[in-house]
């Protein structure tokens, strides 16, 4: 089951969010959900990339200089 959260935004942040939602032809709520989901996916991808980078650097500290 999903969880519900409440987020308080400044007037300016809400205005920007609303504009982007309108451009995407989505409700503000749906757009905010999509943005958060994408952000969490990006974080997960960065964690994988950083772990791979550390493995490469450990195996060959000069790999990036080649």
C-alpha atoms as a PDB file:
ATOM      1  CA  UNK A   1       0.000   0.000   0.000  1.00  0.00           C
ATOM      2  CA  UNK A   2       1.272   3.462  -0.845  1.00  0.00           C
ATOM      3  CA  UNK A   3       1.921   6.189   1.659  1.00  0.00           C
ATOM      4  CA  UNK A   4       0.557   9.706   1.505  1.00  0.00           C
ATOM      5  CA  UNK A   5       2.639  12.746   2.361  1.00  0.00           C
ATOM      6  CA  UNK A   6       1.952  16.450   2.605  1.00  0.00           C
ATOM      7  CA  UNK A   7       4.533  18.894   1.304  1.00  0.00           C
ATOM      8  CA  UNK A   8       4.502  22.592   2.040  1.00  0.00           C
ATOM      9  CA  UNK A   9       6.006  24.696  -0.745  1.00  0.00           C
ATOM     10  CA  UNK A  10       6.715  28.381  -1.002  1.00  0.00           C
ATOM     11  CA  UNK A  11       4.393  30.308  -3.296  1.00  0.00           C
ATOM     12  CA  UNK A  12       7.200  30.605  -5.855  1.00  0.00           C
ATOM     13  CA  UNK A  13       7.985  26.862  -5.812  1.00  0.00           C
ATOM     14  CA  UNK A  14       4.311  26.016  -6.194  1.00  0.00           C
ATOM     15  CA  UNK A  15       4.000  28.452  -9.099  1.00  0.00           C
ATOM     16  CA  UNK A  16       6.971  26.851 -10.874  1.00  0.00           C
ATOM     17  CA  UNK A  17       5.653  23.350 -10.167  1.00  0.00           C
ATOM     18  CA  UNK A  18       2.231  24.341 -11.488  1.00  0.00           C
ATOM     19  CA  UNK A  19       3.721  25.773 -14.669  1.00  0.00           C
ATOM     20  CA  UNK A  20       5.707  22.616 -15.348  1.00  0.00           C
ATOM     21  CA  UNK A  21       2.664  20.455 -14.627  1.00  0.00           C
ATOM     22  CA  UNK A  22       0.590  22.487 -17.063  1.00  0.00           C
ATOM     23  CA  UNK A  23       3.275  22.142 -19.758  1.00  0.00           C
ATOM     24  CA  UNK A  24       3.257  18.365 -19.187  1.00  0.00           C
ATOM     25  CA  UNK A  25      -0.567  18.388 -19.269  1.00  0.00           C
ATOM     26  CA  UNK A  26      -0.711  16.814 -15.796  1.00  0.00           C
ATOM     27  CA  UNK A  27      -2.256  17.752 -12.508  1.00  0.00           C
ATOM     28  CA  UNK A  28       0.131  19.286 -10.008  1.00  0.00           C
ATOM     29  CA  UNK A  29      -0.235  16.202  -7.816  1.00  0.00           C
ATOM     30  CA  UNK A  30       0.554  13.748 -10.640  1.00  0.00           C
ATOM     31  CA  UNK A  31       3.472  15.878 -11.849  1.00  0.00           C
ATOM     32  CA  UNK A  32       4.943  16.112  -8.330  1.00  0.00           C
ATOM     33  CA  UNK A  33       4.614  12.328  -7.981  1.00  0.00           C
ATOM     34  CA  UNK A  34       6.400  11.761 -11.310  1.00  0.00           C
ATOM     35  CA  UNK A  35       9.181  14.209 -10.415  1.00  0.00           C
ATOM     36  CA  UNK A  36       9.780  12.526  -7.062  1.00  0.00           C
ATOM     37  CA  UNK A  37       9.785   9.047  -8.615  1.00  0.00           C
ATOM     38  CA  UNK A  38      12.273  10.156 -11.295  1.00  0.00           C
ATOM     39  CA  UNK A  39      14.504  11.769  -8.667  1.00  0.00           C
ATOM     40  CA  UNK A  40      14.571   8.562  -6.622  1.00  0.00           C
ATOM     41  CA  UNK A  41      15.427   6.530  -9.744  1.00  0.00           C
ATOM     42  CA  UNK A  42      18.235   8.978 -10.539  1.00  0.00           C
ATOM     43  CA  UNK A  43      19.640   8.618  -7.018  1.00  0.00           C
ATOM     44  CA  UNK A  44      19.603   4.827  -7.353  1.00  0.00           C
ATOM     45  CA  UNK A  45      21.369   5.061 -10.731  1.00  0.00           C
ATOM     46  CA  UNK A  46      24.015   7.372  -9.250  1.00  0.00           C
ATOM     47  CA  UNK A  47      24.634   4.960  -6.375  1.00  0.00           C
ATOM     48  CA  UNK A  48      25.221   2.125  -8.859  1.00  0.00           C
ATOM     49  CA  UNK A  49      27.530   4.291 -10.978  1.00  0.00           C
ATOM     50  CA  UNK A  50      29.522   5.397  -7.931  1.00  0.00           C
ATOM     51  CA  UNK A  51      29.919   1.795  -6.780  1.00  0.00           C
ATOM     52  CA  UNK A  52      31.124   0.757 -10.251  1.00  0.00           C
ATOM     53  CA  UNK A  53      33.518   3.706 -10.342  1.00  0.00           C
ATOM     54  CA  UNK A  54      34.966   2.710  -6.962  1.00  0.00           C
ATOM     55  CA  UNK A  55      35.473  -0.877  -8.187  1.00  0.00           C
ATOM     56  CA  UNK A  56      37.244   0.327 -11.321  1.00  0.00           C
ATOM     57  CA  UNK A  57      39.434   2.710  -9.325  1.00  0.00           C
ATOM     58  CA  UNK A  58      40.277  -0.028  -6.826  1.00  0.00           C
ATOM     59  CA  UNK A  59      41.234  -2.489  -9.592  1.00  0.00           C
ATOM     60  CA  UNK A  60      43.249   0.093 -11.546  1.00  0.00           C
ATOM     61  CA  UNK A  61      43.826   3.459  -9.832  1.00  0.00           C
ATOM     62  CA  UNK A  62      45.006   4.980 -13.131  1.00  0.00           C
ATOM     63  CA  UNK A  63      42.135   3.749 -15.323  1.00  0.00           C
ATOM     64  CA  UNK A  64      40.694   7.241 -15.735  1.00  0.00           C
ATOM     65  CA  UNK A  65      44.028   8.636 -16.909  1.00  0.00           C
ATOM     66  CA  UNK A  66      44.327   6.314 -19.905  1.00  0.00           C
END
